[in-house]
Amino acid sequence: MWRKSSRSNGNGEANCVEVALNGSAARVRDSKNRAESVVAAPGWAAFIGAVKRGDFENR
């Protein structure tokens, strides 16, 4: 099941990131370009940890 980012804009444009989790990997796609990328679970967990810590703020 694809989930849309809570940070997606709601102004009618399709600017968002969608994620589908399946236990061993995360499938990620841009809503404008449906080609998807696959991220292994350890890499996805590291990415989410960095987001929660604010590692990408003000870059």
PDB file of N, CA and C in Angstrom:
ATOM      1  N   MET A   1       0.842  -1.176   0.000  1.00  0.00           N
ATOM      2  CA  MET A   1       0.000   0.000   0.000  1.00  0.00           C
ATOM      3  C   MET A   1       0.894   1.247   0.000  1.00  0.00           C
ATOM      4  N   TRP A   2       0.665   2.127  -0.931  1.00  0.00           N
ATOM      5  CA  TRP A   2       1.436   3.368  -1.016  1.00  0.00           C
ATOM      6  C   TRP A   2       0.879   4.394  -0.041  1.00  0.00           C
ATOM      7  N   ARG A   3       1.791   5.100   0.623  1.00  0.00           N
ATOM      8  CA  ARG A   3       1.414   6.176   1.547  1.00  0.00           C
ATOM      9  C   ARG A   3       2.047   7.465   1.062  1.00  0.00           C
ATOM     10  N   LYS A   4       1.283   8.532   1.106  1.00  0.00           N
ATOM     11  CA  LYS A   4       1.773   9.837   0.663  1.00  0.00           C
ATOM     12  C   LYS A   4       2.382  10.579   1.846  1.00  0.00           C
ATOM     13  N   SER A   5       3.456  11.299   1.594  1.00  0.00           N
ATOM     14  CA  SER A   5       4.108  12.088   2.631  1.00  0.00           C
ATOM     15  C   SER A   5       3.144  13.094   3.236  1.00  0.00           C
ATOM     16  N   SER A   6       3.210  13.269   4.550  1.00  0.00           N
ATOM     17  CA  SER A   6       2.380  14.273   5.216  1.00  0.00           C
ATOM     18  C   SER A   6       2.831  15.684   4.857  1.00  0.00           C
ATOM     19  N   ARG A   7       4.001  15.822   4.271  1.00  0.00           N
ATOM     20  CA  ARG A   7       4.526  17.127   3.853  1.00  0.00           C
ATOM     21  C   ARG A   7       4.146  17.485   2.416  1.00  0.00           C
ATOM     22  N   SER A   8       3.368  16.641   1.777  1.00  0.00           N
ATOM     23  CA  SER A   8       2.962  16.907   0.404  1.00  0.00           C
ATOM     24  C   SER A   8       2.082  18.144   0.358  1.00  0.00           C
ATOM     25  N   ASN A   9       2.240  18.908  -0.709  1.00  0.00           N
ATOM     26  CA  ASN A   9       1.383  20.088  -0.807  1.00  0.00           C
ATOM     27  C   ASN A   9      -0.001  19.660  -1.259  1.00  0.00           C
ATOM     28  N   GLY A  10      -0.988  20.375  -0.819  1.00  0.00           N
ATOM     29  CA  GLY A  10      -2.364  20.035  -1.139  1.00  0.00           C
ATOM     30  C   GLY A  10      -3.007  21.026  -2.078  1.00  0.00           C
ATOM     31  N   ASN A  11      -2.221  21.702  -2.885  1.00  0.00           N
ATOM     32  CA  ASN A  11      -2.785  22.743  -3.749  1.00  0.00           C
ATOM     33  C   ASN A  11      -3.152  22.226  -5.136  1.00  0.00           C
ATOM     34  N   GLY A  12      -3.388  20.946  -5.270  1.00  0.00           N
ATOM     35  CA  GLY A  12      -3.781  20.398  -6.557  1.00  0.00           C
ATOM     36  C   GLY A  12      -2.618  19.920  -7.405  1.00  0.00           C
ATOM     37  N   GLU A  13      -1.410  20.301  -7.060  1.00  0.00           N
ATOM     38  CA  GLU A  13      -0.242  19.793  -7.779  1.00  0.00           C
ATOM     39  C   GLU A  13       0.121  18.443  -7.192  1.00  0.00           C
ATOM     40  N   ALA A  14       0.816  17.653  -7.945  1.00  0.00           N
ATOM     41  CA  ALA A  14       1.166  16.302  -7.496  1.00  0.00           C
ATOM     42  C   ALA A  14       2.609  16.267  -7.013  1.00  0.00           C
ATOM     43  N   ASN A  15       2.986  17.175  -6.154  1.00  0.00           N
ATOM     44  CA  ASN A  15       4.354  17.216  -5.628  1.00  0.00           C
ATOM     45  C   ASN A  15       4.418  16.441  -4.332  1.00  0.00           C
ATOM     46  N   CYS A  16       4.699  15.168  -4.420  1.00  0.00           N
ATOM     47  CA  CYS A  16       4.799  14.402  -3.187  1.00  0.00           C
ATOM     48  C   CYS A  16       5.660  13.165  -3.379  1.00  0.00           C
ATOM     49  N   VAL A  17       6.065  12.638  -2.255  1.00  0.00           N
ATOM     50  CA  VAL A  17       6.805  11.385  -2.209  1.00  0.00           C
ATOM     51  C   VAL A  17       5.855  10.352  -1.635  1.00  0.00           C
ATOM     52  N   GLU A  18       5.867   9.163  -2.235  1.00  0.00           N
ATOM     53  CA  GLU A  18       5.040   8.074  -1.752  1.00  0.00           C
ATOM     54  C   GLU A  18       5.940   6.907  -1.365  1.00  0.00           C
ATOM     55  N   VAL A  19       5.550   6.190  -0.311  1.00  0.00           N
ATOM     56  CA  VAL A  19       6.356   5.088   0.214  1.00  0.00           C
ATOM     57  C   VAL A  19       5.460   3.873   0.438  1.00  0.00           C
ATOM     58  N   ALA A  20       5.981   2.706   0.110  1.00  0.00           N
ATOM     59  CA  ALA A  20       5.309   1.439   0.409  1.00  0.00           C
ATOM     60  C   ALA A  20       6.326   0.559   1.134  1.00  0.00           C
ATOM     61  N   LEU A  21       5.991   0.109   2.328  1.00  0.00           N
ATOM     62  CA  LEU A  21       6.884  -0.737   3.120  1.00  0.00           C
ATOM     63  C   LEU A  21       6.467  -2.193   2.975  1.00  0.00           C
ATOM     64  N   ASN A  22       7.464  -3.090   2.911  1.00  0.00           N
ATOM     65  CA  ASN A  22       7.130  -4.518   2.804  1.00  0.00           C
ATOM     66  C   ASN A  22       8.017  -5.393   3.681  1.00  0.00           C
ATOM     67  N   GLY A  23       8.478  -4.910   4.790  1.00  0.00           N
ATOM     68  CA  GLY A  23       9.262  -5.723   5.714  1.00  0.00           C
ATOM     69  C   GLY A  23      10.746  -5.751   5.426  1.00  0.00           C
ATOM     70  N   SER A  24      11.135  -6.096   4.213  1.00  0.00           N
ATOM     71  CA  SER A  24      12.559  -6.179   3.902  1.00  0.00           C
ATOM     72  C   SER A  24      13.062  -4.971   3.126  1.00  0.00           C
ATOM     73  N   ALA A  25      12.150  -4.117   2.684  1.00  0.00           N
ATOM     74  CA  ALA A  25      12.554  -2.966   1.882  1.00  0.00           C
ATOM     75  C   ALA A  25      11.471  -1.895   1.909  1.00  0.00           C
ATOM     76  N   ALA A  26      11.845  -0.720   1.473  1.00  0.00           N
ATOM     77  CA  ALA A  26      10.896   0.374   1.281  1.00  0.00           C
ATOM     78  C   ALA A  26      10.925   0.730  -0.194  1.00  0.00           C
ATOM     79  N   ARG A  27       9.761   0.802  -0.802  1.00  0.00           N
ATOM     80  CA  ARG A  27       9.655   1.251  -2.183  1.00  0.00           C
ATOM     81  C   ARG A  27       9.287   2.725  -2.136  1.00  0.00           C
ATOM     82  N   VAL A  28      10.009   3.543  -2.871  1.00  0.00           N
ATOM     83  CA  VAL A  28       9.836   4.997  -2.826  1.00  0.00           C
ATOM     84  C   VAL A  28       9.620   5.493  -4.246  1.00  0.00           C
ATOM     85  N   ARG A  29       8.669   6.420  -4.410  1.00  0.00           N
ATOM     86  CA  ARG A  29       8.445   6.999  -5.731  1.00  0.00           C
ATOM     87  C   ARG A  29       7.981   8.447  -5.603  1.00  0.00           C
ATOM     88  N   ASP A  30       8.209   9.187  -6.651  1.00  0.00           N
ATOM     89  CA  ASP A  30       7.716  10.553  -6.799  1.00  0.00           C
ATOM     90  C   ASP A  30       6.357  10.439  -7.471  1.00  0.00           C
ATOM     91  N   SER A  31       5.365  11.136  -6.959  1.00  0.00           N
ATOM     92  CA  SER A  31       4.032  11.002  -7.533  1.00  0.00           C
ATOM     93  C   SER A  31       3.960  11.468  -8.985  1.00  0.00           C
ATOM     94  N   LYS A  32       4.876  12.331  -9.410  1.00  0.00           N
ATOM     95  CA  LYS A  32       4.904  12.811 -10.794  1.00  0.00           C
ATOM     96  C   LYS A  32       5.604  11.820 -11.710  1.00  0.00           C
ATOM     97  N   ASN A  33       6.486  10.994 -11.158  1.00  0.00           N
ATOM     98  CA  ASN A  33       7.248  10.018 -11.929  1.00  0.00           C
ATOM     99  C   ASN A  33       7.104   8.688 -11.209  1.00  0.00           C
ATOM    100  N   ARG A  34       6.230   7.848 -11.692  1.00  0.00           N
ATOM    101  CA  ARG A  34       5.864   6.623 -10.972  1.00  0.00           C
ATOM    102  C   ARG A  34       6.945   5.554 -10.960  1.00  0.00           C
ATOM    103  N   ALA A  35       8.073   5.787 -11.623  1.00  0.00           N
ATOM    104  CA  ALA A  35       9.174   4.823 -11.528  1.00  0.00           C
ATOM    105  C   ALA A  35       9.599   4.775 -10.064  1.00  0.00           C
ATOM    106  N   GLU A  36       9.753   3.593  -9.530  1.00  0.00           N
ATOM    107  CA  GLU A  36      10.060   3.486  -8.104  1.00  0.00           C
ATOM    108  C   GLU A  36      11.482   3.014  -7.852  1.00  0.00           C
ATOM    109  N   SER A  37      11.977   3.372  -6.697  1.00  0.00           N
ATOM    110  CA  SER A  37      13.281   2.921  -6.226  1.00  0.00           C
ATOM    111  C   SER A  37      13.041   2.020  -5.024  1.00  0.00           C
ATOM    112  N   VAL A  38      13.957   1.110  -4.790  1.00  0.00           N
ATOM    113  CA  VAL A  38      13.841   0.215  -3.646  1.00  0.00           C
ATOM    114  C   VAL A  38      15.015   0.471  -2.723  1.00  0.00           C
ATOM    115  N   VAL A  39      14.714   0.627  -1.428  1.00  0.00           N
ATOM    116  CA  VAL A  39      15.734   0.858  -0.409  1.00  0.00           C
ATOM    117  C   VAL A  39      15.650  -0.298   0.588  1.00  0.00           C
ATOM    118  N   ALA A  40      16.772  -0.978   0.832  1.00  0.00           N
ATOM    119  CA  ALA A  40      16.785  -2.083   1.797  1.00  0.00           C
ATOM    120  C   ALA A  40      16.403  -1.563   3.183  1.00  0.00           C
ATOM    121  N   ALA A  41      15.796  -2.429   3.984  1.00  0.00           N
ATOM    122  CA  ALA A  41      15.298  -2.033   5.299  1.00  0.00           C
ATOM    123  C   ALA A  41      16.345  -1.338   6.170  1.00  0.00           C
ATOM    124  N   PRO A  42      17.596  -1.826   6.267  1.00  0.00           N
ATOM    125  CA  PRO A  42      18.577  -1.108   7.102  1.00  0.00           C
ATOM    126  C   PRO A  42      18.847   0.312   6.599  1.00  0.00           C
ATOM    127  N   GLY A  43      18.904   0.489   5.291  1.00  0.00           N
ATOM    128  CA  GLY A  43      19.109   1.821   4.725  1.00  0.00           C
ATOM    129  C   GLY A  43      17.929   2.730   4.997  1.00  0.00           C
ATOM    130  N   TRP A  44      16.714   2.183   4.904  1.00  0.00           N
ATOM    131  CA  TRP A  44      15.514   2.968   5.178  1.00  0.00           C
ATOM    132  C   TRP A  44      15.479   3.383   6.645  1.00  0.00           C
ATOM    133  N   ALA A  45      15.817   2.468   7.534  1.00  0.00           N
ATOM    134  CA  ALA A  45      15.838   2.782   8.970  1.00  0.00           C
ATOM    135  C   ALA A  45      16.857   3.879   9.271  1.00  0.00           C
ATOM    136  N   ALA A  46      18.013   3.835   8.623  1.00  0.00           N
ATOM    137  CA  ALA A  46      19.031   4.872   8.819  1.00  0.00           C
ATOM    138  C   ALA A  46      18.531   6.216   8.302  1.00  0.00           C
ATOM    139  N   PHE A  47      17.847   6.220   7.159  1.00  0.00           N
ATOM    140  CA  PHE A  47      17.294   7.451   6.601  1.00  0.00           C
ATOM    141  C   PHE A  47      16.254   8.055   7.544  1.00  0.00           C
ATOM    142  N   ILE A  48      15.333   7.246   8.027  1.00  0.00           N
ATOM    143  CA  ILE A  48      14.294   7.737   8.940  1.00  0.00           C
ATOM    144  C   ILE A  48      14.924   8.278  10.223  1.00  0.00           C
ATOM    145  N   GLY A  49      15.948   7.599  10.735  1.00  0.00           N
ATOM    146  CA  GLY A  49      16.650   8.095  11.926  1.00  0.00           C
ATOM    147  C   GLY A  49      17.264   9.462  11.687  1.00  0.00           C
ATOM    148  N   ALA A  50      17.868   9.658  10.523  1.00  0.00           N
ATOM    149  CA  ALA A  50      18.481  10.951  10.187  1.00  0.00           C
ATOM    150  C   ALA A  50      17.423  12.045  10.071  1.00  0.00           C
ATOM    151  N   VAL A  51      16.278  11.712   9.505  1.00  0.00           N
ATOM    152  CA  VAL A  51      15.187  12.691   9.404  1.00  0.00           C
ATOM    153  C   VAL A  51      14.718  13.093  10.800  1.00  0.00           C
ATOM    154  N   LYS A  52      14.503  12.106  11.664  1.00  0.00           N
ATOM    155  CA  LYS A  52      14.026  12.392  13.021  1.00  0.00           C
ATOM    156  C   LYS A  52      15.027  13.208  13.826  1.00  0.00           C
ATOM    157  N   ARG A  53      16.318  13.011  13.569  1.00  0.00           N
ATOM    158  CA  ARG A  53      17.352  13.784  14.274  1.00  0.00           C
ATOM    159  C   ARG A  53      17.495  15.193  13.708  1.00  0.00           C
ATOM    160  N   GLY A  54      16.932  15.448  12.538  1.00  0.00           N
ATOM    161  CA  GLY A  54      17.042  16.754  11.914  1.00  0.00           C
ATOM    162  C   GLY A  54      18.311  16.930  11.108  1.00  0.00           C
ATOM    163  N   ASP A  55      18.918  15.819  10.692  1.00  0.00           N
ATOM    164  CA  ASP A  55      20.191  15.892   9.944  1.00  0.00           C
ATOM    165  C   ASP A  55      20.062  16.637   8.622  1.00  0.00           C
ATOM    166  N   PHE A  56      18.859  16.766   8.078  1.00  0.00           N
ATOM    167  CA  PHE A  56      18.693  17.409   6.777  1.00  0.00           C
ATOM    168  C   PHE A  56      18.162  18.825   6.876  1.00  0.00           C
ATOM    169  N   GLU A  57      18.006  19.335   8.060  1.00  0.00           N
ATOM    170  CA  GLU A  57      17.505  20.695   8.249  1.00  0.00           C
ATOM    171  C   GLU A  57      18.514  21.726   7.753  1.00  0.00           C
ATOM    172  N   ASN A  58      18.015  22.762   7.128  1.00  0.00           N
ATOM    173  CA  ASN A  58      18.850  23.900   6.681  1.00  0.00           C
ATOM    174  C   ASN A  58      19.999  23.500   5.769  1.00  0.00           C
ATOM    175  N   ARG A  59      19.741  22.608   4.846  1.00  0.00           N
ATOM    176  CA  ARG A  59      20.784  22.216   3.879  1.00  0.00           C
ATOM    177  C   ARG A  59      20.454  22.755   2.550  1.00  0.00           C
TER     178      ARG A  59
END
